[in-house]
Protein backbone atom coordinates (compact mmCIF):
# COMPACT_ATOMS: atom_id res chain seq x y z
CA MET A 1 -8.78 -7.36 9.38
CA SER A 2 -8.69 -7.83 5.63
CA GLY A 3 -9.37 -4.12 5.26
CA ALA A 4 -6.28 -3.31 7.26
CA ALA A 5 -4.23 -5.72 5.15
CA LEU A 6 -5.59 -4.20 1.94
CA GLY A 7 -4.82 -0.68 3.15
CA LEU A 8 -1.26 -1.61 4.12
CA ALA A 9 -0.71 -3.39 0.80
CA CYS A 10 -2.07 -0.42 -1.17
CA LEU A 11 0.24 1.95 0.69
CA GLY A 12 3.18 -0.39 0.17
CA PHE A 13 2.61 -0.71 -3.57
CA LEU A 14 2.05 3.04 -3.85
CA LEU A 15 5.40 3.73 -2.20
CA LEU A 16 7.08 1.17 -4.45
CA GLY A 17 5.51 2.93 -7.41
CA PHE A 18 6.88 6.24 -6.18
CA SER A 19 10.37 4.77 -6.16
CA VAL A 20 10.17 4.78 -9.98
CA LYS A 21 11.10 8.19 -11.35
CA ARG A 22 8.31 8.23 -13.92
CA HIS A 23 5.54 7.73 -11.37
CA PHE A 24 7.15 10.11 -8.91
CA ARG A 25 7.16 12.83 -11.61
CA GLN A 26 3.53 12.08 -12.50
CA VAL A 27 2.39 12.87 -8.98
CA TRP A 28 4.84 15.67 -8.13
CA PRO A 29 5.97 17.19 -11.46
CA GLU A 30 7.68 20.24 -9.95
CA SER A 31 9.61 18.33 -7.29
CA THR A 32 13.38 18.05 -7.75
CA ASP A 33 14.24 15.79 -4.80
CA TYR A 34 13.46 12.38 -6.32
CA SER A 35 16.90 10.99 -5.47
CA GLN A 36 16.38 11.79 -1.77
CA TRP A 37 13.17 9.74 -1.57
CA ILE A 38 14.03 6.67 -3.64
CA VAL A 39 15.58 4.60 -0.84
CA PHE A 40 12.91 5.56 1.70
CA ASN A 41 10.10 4.70 -0.73
CA ARG A 42 11.55 1.29 -1.51
CA ILE A 43 12.27 0.31 2.09
CA ALA A 44 8.97 1.61 3.43
CA GLY A 45 7.04 -0.03 0.57
CA VAL A 46 8.56 -3.45 1.18
CA MET A 47 8.07 -3.11 4.94
CA LEU A 48 4.39 -2.22 4.51
CA LEU A 49 3.87 -5.16 2.17
CA CYS A 50 5.43 -7.51 4.72
CA LEU A 51 3.44 -5.90 7.52
CA SER A 52 0.21 -6.50 5.61
CA LEU A 53 0.68 -10.22 6.29
CA VAL A 54 0.14 -9.73 10.03
CA PRO A 55 -3.60 -8.89 9.95
CA CYS A 56 -4.24 -11.83 7.61
CA ALA A 57 -2.31 -14.24 9.82
CA VAL A 58 -4.06 -12.99 12.96
CA ALA A 59 -7.54 -13.21 11.45
CA TYR A 60 -7.29 -16.49 9.52
CA GLY A 61 -4.28 -18.34 10.91
CA LEU A 62 -1.00 -18.72 9.08
CA GLY A 63 -2.05 -21.32 6.50
CA ILE A 64 -5.18 -19.62 5.20
CA GLY A 65 -3.76 -16.18 6.02
CA LEU A 66 -0.97 -16.65 3.46
CA ALA A 67 -3.51 -17.47 0.75
CA VAL A 68 -5.68 -14.48 1.68
CA TRP A 69 -2.59 -12.28 1.79
CA ALA A 70 -1.58 -13.38 -1.72
CA GLY A 71 -5.04 -12.46 -2.99
CA ILE A 72 -4.90 -9.09 -1.25
CA LEU A 73 -1.49 -8.40 -2.78
CA VAL A 74 -2.86 -9.12 -6.24
CA LEU A 75 -5.85 -6.83 -5.66
CA ALA A 76 -3.71 -4.03 -4.24
CA ALA A 77 -1.21 -4.27 -7.10
CA LEU A 78 -4.02 -4.08 -9.64
CA LEU A 79 -5.55 -1.07 -7.90
CA GLN A 80 -2.24 0.77 -7.77
CA LYS A 81 -1.44 -0.08 -11.38
CA LEU A 82 -4.76 1.34 -12.54
CA LEU A 83 -4.36 4.36 -10.27
CA LEU A 84 -0.89 5.30 -11.48
CA THR A 85 -1.83 4.63 -15.11
CA PHE A 86 -5.15 6.44 -15.39
CA TRP A 87 -5.39 8.77 -12.37
CA PRO A 88 -1.89 9.69 -11.10
CA SER A 89 -2.89 13.12 -9.78
CA ARG A 90 -5.17 11.48 -7.19
CA ALA A 91 -2.55 9.11 -5.78
CA THR A 92 -2.07 11.15 -2.61
CA PHE A 93 -5.83 11.12 -2.00
CA VAL A 94 -5.94 7.35 -2.36
CA SER A 95 -3.00 6.98 0.02
CA GLY A 96 -4.97 8.89 2.63
CA ALA A 97 -7.97 6.67 2.01
CA SER A 98 -5.75 3.62 2.43
CA ALA A 99 -4.51 4.92 5.77
CA VAL A 100 -8.12 5.39 6.90
CA LEU A 101 -8.86 1.84 5.75
CA VAL A 102 -5.99 0.54 7.89
CA VAL A 103 -7.25 2.34 10.99
CA ALA A 104 -10.84 1.25 10.37
CA GLY A 105 -9.77 -2.36 9.89
CA LEU A 106 -7.77 -2.34 13.11
CA LEU A 107 -10.59 -0.66 15.02
CA SER A 108 -13.15 -3.19 13.80
CA ALA A 109 -10.90 -6.02 14.94
CA GLY A 110 -10.46 -4.43 18.36
CA LEU A 111 -6.66 -4.15 18.05
CA VAL A 112 -6.50 -0.39 18.57
């Protein structure tokens, strides 16, 4: 379940990073439709971050789940910061890996 929460948090922070013009241009330099994606990226990023609380709360209960969730958010933010700073061209690959991590975490918990 923590894998699913980590994958959702990584995707959420990646989308929030893409709502900043600089990071959007790092990943897609030839794209001209940044203004069309800014609102979607922000809303989807915040929703995924909030949704990442659910696997933690289900696996550990609400009290411990909030503490685990806070730790996962810190780890995911650090991973995305390092990714967008040092390896921005691979951000789409990492987002696919995060999606696989979400599915694997849900499958291992028996929720899918």
